[in-house]
PDB file of N, CA and C in Angstrom:
ATOM      1  N   MET A   1       1.138  -1.058  -0.132  1.00  0.00           N
ATOM      2  CA  MET A   1       0.317  -0.100   0.001  1.00  0.00           C
ATOM      3  C   MET A   1       0.793   1.452  -0.474  1.00  0.00           C
ATOM      4  N   ALA A   2       0.193   2.024  -1.328  1.00  0.00           N
ATOM      5  CA  ALA A   2       1.054   3.761  -1.088  1.00  0.00           C
ATOM      6  C   ALA A   2       1.178   4.909   0.629  1.00  0.00           C
ATOM      7  N   LYS A   3       2.332   5.069   0.775  1.00  0.00           N
ATOM      8  CA  LYS A   3       1.872   5.733   1.760  1.00  0.00           C
ATOM      9  C   LYS A   3       2.048   7.005   1.250  1.00  0.00           C
ATOM     10  N   PRO A   4       1.462   8.070   2.333  1.00  0.00           N
ATOM     11  CA  PRO A   4       0.773   8.921   2.233  1.00  0.00           C
ATOM     12  C   PRO A   4       1.791  10.037   1.244  1.00  0.00           C
ATOM     13  N   ASN A   5       1.200  10.545   0.500  1.00  0.00           N
ATOM     14  CA  ASN A   5       2.418  11.731  -0.256  1.00  0.00           C
ATOM     15  C   ASN A   5       3.141  11.099  -0.781  1.00  0.00           C
ATOM     16  N   SER A   6       2.923   9.552  -1.655  1.00  0.00           N
ATOM     17  CA  SER A   6       4.071   9.110  -2.276  1.00  0.00           C
ATOM     18  C   SER A   6       3.736   9.282  -3.657  1.00  0.00           C
ATOM     19  N   GLY A   7       4.606   8.871  -5.150  1.00  0.00           N
ATOM     20  CA  GLY A   7       4.189   9.546  -6.286  1.00  0.00           C
ATOM     21  C   GLY A   7       3.499   8.068  -6.557  1.00  0.00           C
ATOM     22  N   ARG A   8       3.688   7.901  -7.735  1.00  0.00           N
ATOM     23  CA  ARG A   8       2.553   6.525  -8.232  1.00  0.00           C
ATOM     24  C   ARG A   8       3.123   5.322  -9.924  1.00  0.00           C
ATOM     25  N   LEU A   9       3.245   4.718  -9.525  1.00  0.00           N
ATOM     26  CA  LEU A   9       4.040   4.382 -11.281  1.00  0.00           C
ATOM     27  C   LEU A   9       2.892   3.119 -11.244  1.00  0.00           C
ATOM     28  N   VAL A  10       3.108   4.112 -12.562  1.00  0.00           N
ATOM     29  CA  VAL A  10       1.588   3.067 -13.538  1.00  0.00           C
ATOM     30  C   VAL A  10       2.453   2.252 -14.490  1.00  0.00           C
ATOM     31  N   ARG A  11       2.136   1.615 -14.594  1.00  0.00           N
ATOM     32  CA  ARG A  11       2.736   0.645 -14.495  1.00  0.00           C
ATOM     33  C   ARG A  11       1.983  -0.744 -15.938  1.00  0.00           C
ATOM     34  N   ASN A  12       1.930   0.201 -17.063  1.00  0.00           N
ATOM     35  CA  ASN A  12       1.219  -0.049 -18.317  1.00  0.00           C
ATOM     36  C   ASN A  12       1.852  -0.996 -19.141  1.00  0.00           C
ATOM     37  N   HIS A  13       3.724  -1.209 -19.267  1.00  0.00           N
ATOM     38  CA  HIS A  13       3.647  -2.465 -19.939  1.00  0.00           C
ATOM     39  C   HIS A  13       4.198  -3.725 -19.289  1.00  0.00           C
ATOM     40  N   SER A  14       4.053  -4.504 -19.773  1.00  0.00           N
ATOM     41  CA  SER A  14       4.098  -6.235 -19.410  1.00  0.00           C
ATOM     42  C   SER A  14       5.530  -6.595 -18.981  1.00  0.00           C
ATOM     43  N   THR A  15       7.384  -5.413 -19.981  1.00  0.00           N
ATOM     44  CA  THR A  15       8.132  -5.918 -20.120  1.00  0.00           C
ATOM     45  C   THR A  15       9.415  -5.004 -19.736  1.00  0.00           C
ATOM     46  N   HIS A  16       9.669  -4.981 -18.977  1.00  0.00           N
ATOM     47  CA  HIS A  16      10.823  -4.103 -18.318  1.00  0.00           C
ATOM     48  C   HIS A  16      12.061  -4.163 -18.330  1.00  0.00           C
ATOM     49  N   VAL A  17      13.071  -2.868 -18.349  1.00  0.00           N
ATOM     50  CA  VAL A  17      14.881  -3.029 -18.340  1.00  0.00           C
ATOM     51  C   VAL A  17      14.767  -4.232 -16.894  1.00  0.00           C
ATOM     52  N   ALA A  18      15.671  -5.063 -17.454  1.00  0.00           N
ATOM     53  CA  ALA A  18      15.774  -5.751 -15.901  1.00  0.00           C
ATOM     54  C   ALA A  18      16.399  -4.596 -14.360  1.00  0.00           C
ATOM     55  N   GLY A  19      15.227  -5.174 -12.883  1.00  0.00           N
ATOM     56  CA  GLY A  19      15.663  -4.231 -11.976  1.00  0.00           C
ATOM     57  C   GLY A  19      15.455  -3.047 -12.228  1.00  0.00           C
ATOM     58  N   LEU A  20      13.950  -2.589 -13.010  1.00  0.00           N
ATOM     59  CA  LEU A  20      13.940  -0.866 -12.667  1.00  0.00           C
ATOM     60  C   LEU A  20      12.774  -1.004 -12.193  1.00  0.00           C
ATOM     61  N   ILE A  21      12.191  -1.774 -11.616  1.00  0.00           N
ATOM     62  CA  ILE A  21      10.998  -1.629 -11.046  1.00  0.00           C
ATOM     63  C   ILE A  21      10.843  -1.434  -9.778  1.00  0.00           C
ATOM     64  N   PRO A  22      11.674  -1.550  -9.107  1.00  0.00           N
ATOM     65  CA  PRO A  22      12.053  -1.868  -7.624  1.00  0.00           C
ATOM     66  C   PRO A  22      13.063  -0.340  -7.197  1.00  0.00           C
ATOM     67  N   ILE A  23      13.775  -0.167  -8.414  1.00  0.00           N
ATOM     68  CA  ILE A  23      14.293   1.418  -8.242  1.00  0.00           C
ATOM     69  C   ILE A  23      13.212   2.421  -8.230  1.00  0.00           C
ATOM     70  N   LEU A  24      12.292   1.809  -9.385  1.00  0.00           N
ATOM     71  CA  LEU A  24      11.072   2.842  -9.563  1.00  0.00           C
ATOM     72  C   LEU A  24      10.684   3.121  -8.763  1.00  0.00           C
ATOM     73  N   GLU A  25      10.124   1.820  -7.718  1.00  0.00           N
ATOM     74  CA  GLU A  25       9.081   2.371  -6.583  1.00  0.00           C
ATOM     75  C   GLU A  25       9.878   2.852  -5.534  1.00  0.00           C
ATOM     76  N   ARG A  26      10.912   3.048  -5.277  1.00  0.00           N
ATOM     77  CA  ARG A  26      11.207   2.905  -4.032  1.00  0.00           C
ATOM     78  C   ARG A  26      12.026   4.806  -4.539  1.00  0.00           C
ATOM     79  N   LEU A  27      12.134   5.234  -5.929  1.00  0.00           N
ATOM     80  CA  LEU A  27      11.949   6.802  -6.411  1.00  0.00           C
ATOM     81  C   LEU A  27      10.034   7.395  -6.395  1.00  0.00           C
ATOM     82  N   THR A  28       9.238   6.597  -6.096  1.00  0.00           N
ATOM     83  CA  THR A  28       7.752   6.935  -5.917  1.00  0.00           C
ATOM     84  C   THR A  28       7.621   7.844  -4.184  1.00  0.00           C
ATOM     85  N   GLU A  29       8.770   6.463  -3.521  1.00  0.00           N
ATOM     86  CA  GLU A  29       8.913   7.857  -1.992  1.00  0.00           C
ATOM     87  C   GLU A  29       9.818   8.538  -2.407  1.00  0.00           C
ATOM     88  N   GLN A  30      10.017   9.725  -3.046  1.00  0.00           N
ATOM     89  CA  GLN A  30      11.204  10.708  -2.835  1.00  0.00           C
ATOM     90  C   GLN A  30      10.053  11.770  -2.794  1.00  0.00           C
ATOM     91  N   PRO A  31      10.350  12.775  -1.529  1.00  0.00           N
ATOM     92  CA  PRO A  31       9.483  13.751  -1.568  1.00  0.00           C
ATOM     93  C   PRO A  31       9.237  14.506  -3.107  1.00  0.00           C
ATOM     94  N   GLY A  32       8.172  15.543  -3.495  1.00  0.00           N
ATOM     95  CA  GLY A  32       8.479  15.588  -4.797  1.00  0.00           C
ATOM     96  C   GLY A  32       7.408  15.117  -6.258  1.00  0.00           C
ATOM     97  N   ILE A  33       8.000  13.979  -6.098  1.00  0.00           N
ATOM     98  CA  ILE A  33       7.612  13.328  -7.591  1.00  0.00           C
ATOM     99  C   ILE A  33       5.886  12.626  -7.790  1.00  0.00           C
ATOM    100  N   THR A  34       5.873  12.991  -8.199  1.00  0.00           N
ATOM    101  CA  THR A  34       3.806  12.032  -8.412  1.00  0.00           C
ATOM    102  C   THR A  34       3.685  11.407  -9.414  1.00  0.00           C
ATOM    103  N   THR A  35       4.168  11.147 -10.304  1.00  0.00           N
ATOM    104  CA  THR A  35       4.009  10.144 -11.623  1.00  0.00           C
ATOM    105  C   THR A  35       5.110   9.517 -12.003  1.00  0.00           C
ATOM    106  N   ILE A  36       5.825   8.399 -12.091  1.00  0.00           N
ATOM    107  CA  ILE A  36       6.645   8.091 -13.324  1.00  0.00           C
ATOM    108  C   ILE A  36       5.500   6.774 -14.321  1.00  0.00           C
ATOM    109  N   THR A  37       6.104   6.816 -14.832  1.00  0.00           N
ATOM    110  CA  THR A  37       5.575   5.612 -16.306  1.00  0.00           C
ATOM    111  C   THR A  37       7.004   5.652 -17.383  1.00  0.00           C
ATOM    112  N   PRO A  38       6.877   3.787 -17.117  1.00  0.00           N
ATOM    113  CA  PRO A  38       8.303   3.437 -17.626  1.00  0.00           C
ATOM    114  C   PRO A  38       7.592   3.377 -19.739  1.00  0.00           C
ATOM    115  N   GLY A  39       7.884   3.432 -20.502  1.00  0.00           N
ATOM    116  CA  GLY A  39       7.961   3.674 -21.491  1.00  0.00           C
ATOM    117  C   GLY A  39       8.708   2.538 -22.527  1.00  0.00           C
ATOM    118  N   VAL A  40       8.703   2.481 -24.263  1.00  0.00           N
ATOM    119  CA  VAL A  40       9.464   2.095 -25.155  1.00  0.00           C
ATOM    120  C   VAL A  40      10.602   1.410 -24.602  1.00  0.00           C
ATOM    121  N   ILE A  41      10.901   0.480 -24.537  1.00  0.00           N
ATOM    122  CA  ILE A  41      12.099  -0.361 -25.003  1.00  0.00           C
ATOM    123  C   ILE A  41      12.607  -0.385 -25.834  1.00  0.00           C
ATOM    124  N   SER A  42      14.248  -0.310 -26.129  1.00  0.00           N
ATOM    125  CA  SER A  42      14.242  -0.387 -27.591  1.00  0.00           C
ATOM    126  C   SER A  42      15.946  -1.038 -27.442  1.00  0.00           C
ATOM    127  N   PRO A  43      16.128  -2.200 -28.571  1.00  0.00           N
ATOM    128  CA  PRO A  43      17.477  -2.338 -28.371  1.00  0.00           C
ATOM    129  C   PRO A  43      18.400  -1.196 -28.912  1.00  0.00           C
ATOM    130  N   VAL A  44      19.779  -1.680 -28.301  1.00  0.00           N
ATOM    131  CA  VAL A  44      21.232  -0.478 -28.327  1.00  0.00           C
ATOM    132  C   VAL A  44      22.350  -1.463 -28.542  1.00  0.00           C
ATOM    133  N   ARG A  45      23.234  -0.413 -29.447  1.00  0.00           N
ATOM    134  CA  ARG A  45      24.357  -1.074 -29.190  1.00  0.00           C
ATOM    135  C   ARG A  45      25.096  -1.559 -28.264  1.00  0.00           C
ATOM    136  N   GLY A  46      25.496  -0.400 -27.721  1.00  0.00           N
ATOM    137  CA  GLY A  46      26.395  -0.434 -26.502  1.00  0.00           C
ATOM    138  C   GLY A  46      25.985  -1.627 -25.606  1.00  0.00           C
ATOM    139  N   ASN A  47      26.505  -1.602 -24.559  1.00  0.00           N
ATOM    140  CA  ASN A  47      26.542  -3.469 -23.606  1.00  0.00           C
ATOM    141  C   ASN A  47      27.198  -2.339 -21.409  1.00  0.00           C
ATOM    142  N   ILE A  48      26.094  -1.987 -21.408  1.00  0.00           N
ATOM    143  CA  ILE A  48      26.133  -1.792 -20.078  1.00  0.00           C
ATOM    144  C   ILE A  48      25.928  -3.154 -18.683  1.00  0.00           C
ATOM    145  N   PRO A  49      26.859  -3.197 -18.427  1.00  0.00           N
ATOM    146  CA  PRO A  49      25.890  -4.297 -17.504  1.00  0.00           C
ATOM    147  C   PRO A  49      25.320  -4.096 -15.944  1.00  0.00           C
ATOM    148  N   GLN A  50      25.192  -2.436 -15.935  1.00  0.00           N
ATOM    149  CA  GLN A  50      24.406  -2.327 -14.478  1.00  0.00           C
ATOM    150  C   GLN A  50      23.711  -1.703 -14.973  1.00  0.00           C
ATOM    151  N   LEU A  51      22.611  -1.286 -14.738  1.00  0.00           N
ATOM    152  CA  LEU A  51      21.473  -0.258 -14.759  1.00  0.00           C
ATOM    153  C   LEU A  51      22.437   0.787 -14.102  1.00  0.00           C
ATOM    154  N   GLN A  52      21.328   2.116 -15.457  1.00  0.00           N
ATOM    155  CA  GLN A  52      22.031   3.489 -15.216  1.00  0.00           C
ATOM    156  C   GLN A  52      20.246   3.519 -15.277  1.00  0.00           C
ATOM    157  N   LEU A  53      20.244   4.860 -14.816  1.00  0.00           N
ATOM    158  CA  LEU A  53      19.239   5.658 -14.898  1.00  0.00           C
ATOM    159  C   LEU A  53      20.122   7.545 -15.423  1.00  0.00           C
ATOM    160  N   LYS A  54      19.770   7.780 -16.474  1.00  0.00           N
ATOM    161  CA  LYS A  54      20.388   9.094 -16.764  1.00  0.00           C
ATOM    162  C   LYS A  54      18.789  10.217 -17.301  1.00  0.00           C
ATOM    163  N   VAL A  55      18.507  11.013 -16.638  1.00  0.00           N
ATOM    164  CA  VAL A  55      17.969  12.598 -17.370  1.00  0.00           C
ATOM    165  C   VAL A  55      18.662  12.506 -18.160  1.00  0.00           C
ATOM    166  N   SER A  56      17.219  12.780 -19.078  1.00  0.00           N
ATOM    167  CA  SER A  56      17.603  13.019 -20.731  1.00  0.00           C
ATOM    168  C   SER A  56      17.033  14.198 -21.303  1.00  0.00           C
ATOM    169  N   VAL A  57      15.268  14.561 -20.839  1.00  0.00           N
ATOM    170  CA  VAL A  57      15.087  15.695 -21.673  1.00  0.00           C
ATOM    171  C   VAL A  57      14.275  16.681 -20.585  1.00  0.00           C
ATOM    172  N   PRO A  58      13.810  17.940 -20.501  1.00  0.00           N
ATOM    173  CA  PRO A  58      13.519  17.917 -19.700  1.00  0.00           C
ATOM    174  C   PRO A  58      11.876  17.679 -20.733  1.00  0.00           C
ATOM    175  N   ILE A  59      11.012  17.329 -20.052  1.00  0.00           N
ATOM    176  CA  ILE A  59       9.481  17.450 -20.807  1.00  0.00           C
ATOM    177  C   ILE A  59       8.378  18.031 -19.527  1.00  0.00           C
ATOM    178  N   ARG A  60       6.738  18.376 -20.611  1.00  0.00           N
ATOM    179  CA  ARG A  60       5.649  19.176 -20.220  1.00  0.00           C
ATOM    180  C   ARG A  60       5.852  18.686 -18.028  1.00  0.00           C
ATOM    181  N   GLY A  61       6.254  19.372 -17.197  1.00  0.00           N
ATOM    182  CA  GLY A  61       5.442  18.972 -15.974  1.00  0.00           C
ATOM    183  C   GLY A  61       6.756  17.517 -15.090  1.00  0.00           C
ATOM    184  N   GLY A  62       8.035  17.876 -16.156  1.00  0.00           N
ATOM    185  CA  GLY A  62       9.092  16.858 -15.362  1.00  0.00           C
ATOM    186  C   GLY A  62      10.053  16.623 -16.243  1.00  0.00           C
ATOM    187  N   PHE A  63      10.533  14.909 -16.205  1.00  0.00           N
ATOM    188  CA  PHE A  63      11.846  14.257 -16.760  1.00  0.00           C
ATOM    189  C   PHE A  63      11.545  13.118 -17.607  1.00  0.00           C
ATOM    190  N   LYS A  64      12.403  13.086 -18.990  1.00  0.00           N
ATOM    191  CA  LYS A  64      12.232  11.325 -19.470  1.00  0.00           C
ATOM    192  C   LYS A  64      14.180  11.425 -18.976  1.00  0.00           C
ATOM    193  N   LEU A  65      13.571  10.167 -18.573  1.00  0.00           N
ATOM    194  CA  LEU A  65      14.740   9.390 -18.142  1.00  0.00           C
ATOM    195  C   LEU A  65      15.454   8.561 -18.995  1.00  0.00           C
ATOM    196  N   LEU A  66      16.522   7.754 -19.080  1.00  0.00           N
ATOM    197  CA  LEU A  66      16.900   6.937 -20.009  1.00  0.00           C
ATOM    198  C   LEU A  66      17.148   5.890 -19.159  1.00  0.00           C
ATOM    199  N   ALA A  67      16.358   4.139 -18.998  1.00  0.00           N
ATOM    200  CA  ALA A  67      17.090   3.642 -17.797  1.00  0.00           C
ATOM    201  C   ALA A  67      17.891   2.576 -19.165  1.00  0.00           C
ATOM    202  N   ARG A  68      18.882   2.235 -18.666  1.00  0.00           N
ATOM    203  CA  ARG A  68      19.982   1.145 -19.908  1.00  0.00           C
ATOM    204  C   ARG A  68      20.604   0.039 -18.858  1.00  0.00           C
ATOM    205  N   LYS A  69      20.427  -1.063 -19.240  1.00  0.00           N
ATOM    206  CA  LYS A  69      21.359  -1.926 -18.540  1.00  0.00           C
ATOM    207  C   LYS A  69      21.633  -3.517 -20.222  1.00  0.00           C
ATOM    208  N   GLY A  70      22.647  -3.575 -19.590  1.00  0.00           N
ATOM    209  CA  GLY A  70      23.051  -4.790 -20.990  1.00  0.00           C
ATOM    210  C   GLY A  70      22.408  -3.953 -22.291  1.00  0.00           C
ATOM    211  N   LYS A  71      22.325  -4.891 -23.439  1.00  0.00           N
ATOM    212  CA  LYS A  71      21.587  -3.904 -24.675  1.00  0.00           C
ATOM    213  C   LYS A  71      20.383  -3.377 -24.886  1.00  0.00           C
ATOM    214  N   THR A  72      19.593  -2.979 -23.678  1.00  0.00           N
ATOM    215  CA  THR A  72      18.130  -2.044 -24.034  1.00  0.00           C
ATOM    216  C   THR A  72      18.379  -0.999 -22.960  1.00  0.00           C
ATOM    217  N   VAL A  73      17.544  -0.296 -23.401  1.00  0.00           N
ATOM    218  CA  VAL A  73      16.960   1.310 -23.088  1.00  0.00           C
ATOM    219  C   VAL A  73      15.636   1.449 -22.902  1.00  0.00           C
ATOM    220  N   GLN A  74      15.149   1.814 -21.667  1.00  0.00           N
ATOM    221  CA  GLN A  74      13.675   1.907 -21.314  1.00  0.00           C
ATOM    222  C   GLN A  74      13.477   3.484 -22.053  1.00  0.00           C
ATOM    223  N   GLU A  75      12.202   4.598 -21.753  1.00  0.00           N
ATOM    224  CA  GLU A  75      12.471   5.447 -21.427  1.00  0.00           C
ATOM    225  C   GLU A  75      11.555   5.617 -19.968  1.00  0.00           C
ATOM    226  N   VAL A  76      11.954   6.746 -19.569  1.00  0.00           N
ATOM    227  CA  VAL A  76      10.739   6.310 -18.209  1.00  0.00           C
ATOM    228  C   VAL A  76      10.587   7.735 -18.078  1.00  0.00           C
ATOM    229  N   PHE A  77       9.783   8.672 -18.250  1.00  0.00           N
ATOM    230  CA  PHE A  77       8.934  10.051 -17.810  1.00  0.00           C
ATOM    231  C   PHE A  77       8.627   9.440 -16.096  1.00  0.00           C
ATOM    232  N   ILE A  78       9.281  11.293 -15.532  1.00  0.00           N
ATOM    233  CA  ILE A  78       8.599  11.077 -14.543  1.00  0.00           C
ATOM    234  C   ILE A  78       7.501  12.661 -13.851  1.00  0.00           C
ATOM    235  N   LEU A  79       7.095  12.976 -13.902  1.00  0.00           N
ATOM    236  CA  LEU A  79       6.008  13.940 -13.575  1.00  0.00           C
ATOM    237  C   LEU A  79       7.046  14.332 -12.097  1.00  0.00           C
ATOM    238  N   THR A  80       7.110  15.445 -12.069  1.00  0.00           N
ATOM    239  CA  THR A  80       7.718  16.179 -10.993  1.00  0.00           C
ATOM    240  C   THR A  80       7.956  17.696 -10.767  1.00  0.00           C
ATOM    241  N   SER A  81       7.638  18.327  -9.534  1.00  0.00           N
ATOM    242  CA  SER A  81       8.114  19.492  -8.889  1.00  0.00           C
ATOM    243  C   SER A  81       9.763  19.550  -8.738  1.00  0.00           C
ATOM    244  N   LEU A  82      10.191  18.599  -8.513  1.00  0.00           N
ATOM    245  CA  LEU A  82      11.961  19.176  -8.336  1.00  0.00           C
ATOM    246  C   LEU A  82      12.599  19.355  -9.322  1.00  0.00           C
ATOM    247  N   GLU A  83      13.947  20.068  -9.354  1.00  0.00           N
ATOM    248  CA  GLU A  83      14.779  20.816 -10.853  1.00  0.00           C
ATOM    249  C   GLU A  83      15.620  19.499 -11.078  1.00  0.00           C
ATOM    250  N   GLN A  84      16.455  19.592 -12.226  1.00  0.00           N
ATOM    251  CA  GLN A  84      17.182  18.482 -12.690  1.00  0.00           C
ATOM    252  C   GLN A  84      17.780  17.811 -11.343  1.00  0.00           C
ATOM    253  N   GLU A  85      19.033  18.682 -10.697  1.00  0.00           N
ATOM    254  CA  GLU A  85      19.591  18.409  -9.810  1.00  0.00           C
ATOM    255  C   GLU A  85      19.069  17.742  -8.936  1.00  0.00           C
ATOM    256  N   SER A  86      17.871  18.581  -8.736  1.00  0.00           N
ATOM    257  CA  SER A  86      17.146  17.058  -6.809  1.00  0.00           C
ATOM    258  C   SER A  86      16.707  16.612  -7.373  1.00  0.00           C
ATOM    259  N   LEU A  87      16.838  16.188  -8.778  1.00  0.00           N
ATOM    260  CA  LEU A  87      15.950  14.470  -9.004  1.00  0.00           C
ATOM    261  C   LEU A  87      16.889  13.239  -9.407  1.00  0.00           C
ATOM    262  N   GLU A  88      18.433  14.248  -9.797  1.00  0.00           N
ATOM    263  CA  GLU A  88      19.410  13.138 -10.006  1.00  0.00           C
ATOM    264  C   GLU A  88      20.093  12.821  -9.096  1.00  0.00           C
ATOM    265  N   ARG A  89      19.995  13.496  -7.596  1.00  0.00           N
ATOM    266  CA  ARG A  89      20.355  13.297  -6.692  1.00  0.00           C
ATOM    267  C   ARG A  89      19.165  12.397  -5.756  1.00  0.00           C
ATOM    268  N   ALA A  90      18.271  12.700  -5.899  1.00  0.00           N
ATOM    269  CA  ALA A  90      17.001  11.596  -5.458  1.00  0.00           C
ATOM    270  C   ALA A  90      17.230   9.972  -6.477  1.00  0.00           C
ATOM    271  N   ILE A  91      17.401  10.218  -7.786  1.00  0.00           N
ATOM    272  CA  ILE A  91      18.033   9.058  -7.997  1.00  0.00           C
ATOM    273  C   ILE A  91      19.412   8.504  -7.280  1.00  0.00           C
ATOM    274  N   ALA A  92      20.241   9.110  -7.264  1.00  0.00           N
ATOM    275  CA  ALA A  92      21.563   8.504  -6.753  1.00  0.00           C
ATOM    276  C   ALA A  92      20.942   7.676  -6.092  1.00  0.00           C
ATOM    277  N   LYS A  93      20.315   8.522  -4.255  1.00  0.00           N
ATOM    278  CA  LYS A  93      20.302   7.932  -3.393  1.00  0.00           C
ATOM    279  C   LYS A  93      19.688   6.746  -3.249  1.00  0.00           C
ATOM    280  N   VAL A  94      18.495   6.887  -4.403  1.00  0.00           N
ATOM    281  CA  VAL A  94      18.023   5.438  -4.247  1.00  0.00           C
ATOM    282  C   VAL A  94      18.100   3.917  -5.188  1.00  0.00           C
ATOM    283  N   ILE A  95      19.461   4.153  -5.884  1.00  0.00           N
ATOM    284  CA  ILE A  95      19.931   3.656  -6.462  1.00  0.00           C
ATOM    285  C   ILE A  95      21.049   2.851  -5.939  1.00  0.00           C
ATOM    286  N   ARG A  96      21.748   3.254  -4.991  1.00  0.00           N
ATOM    287  CA  ARG A  96      22.627   3.024  -3.785  1.00  0.00           C
ATOM    288  C   ARG A  96      22.095   1.986  -2.951  1.00  0.00           C
ATOM    289  N   ASN A  97      20.462   2.736  -2.727  1.00  0.00           N
ATOM    290  CA  ASN A  97      20.437   1.906  -1.376  1.00  0.00           C
ATOM    291  C   ASN A  97      19.656   0.485  -1.884  1.00  0.00           C
TER     292      ASN A  97
END
């Protein structure tokens, strides 16, 4: 059950980058994050062994992230009141835990 004032994780896809969902669930608990929506999964050339989340571009009301692991990348859309630097710190915090 969601905690009061926590964000919401939209589960509209049947597949996700390995290990992404637990990190996004922890990210919804960060103040200022309202909605997280995983998006399109695509193959890429590079091979990154560990999951990386990187802020890509601002969108209306938040940011688009790119989640990469192995030879796969997935878009993640975050609606938030946080500035980019604060969001990057929140992402680093939940990945470390």
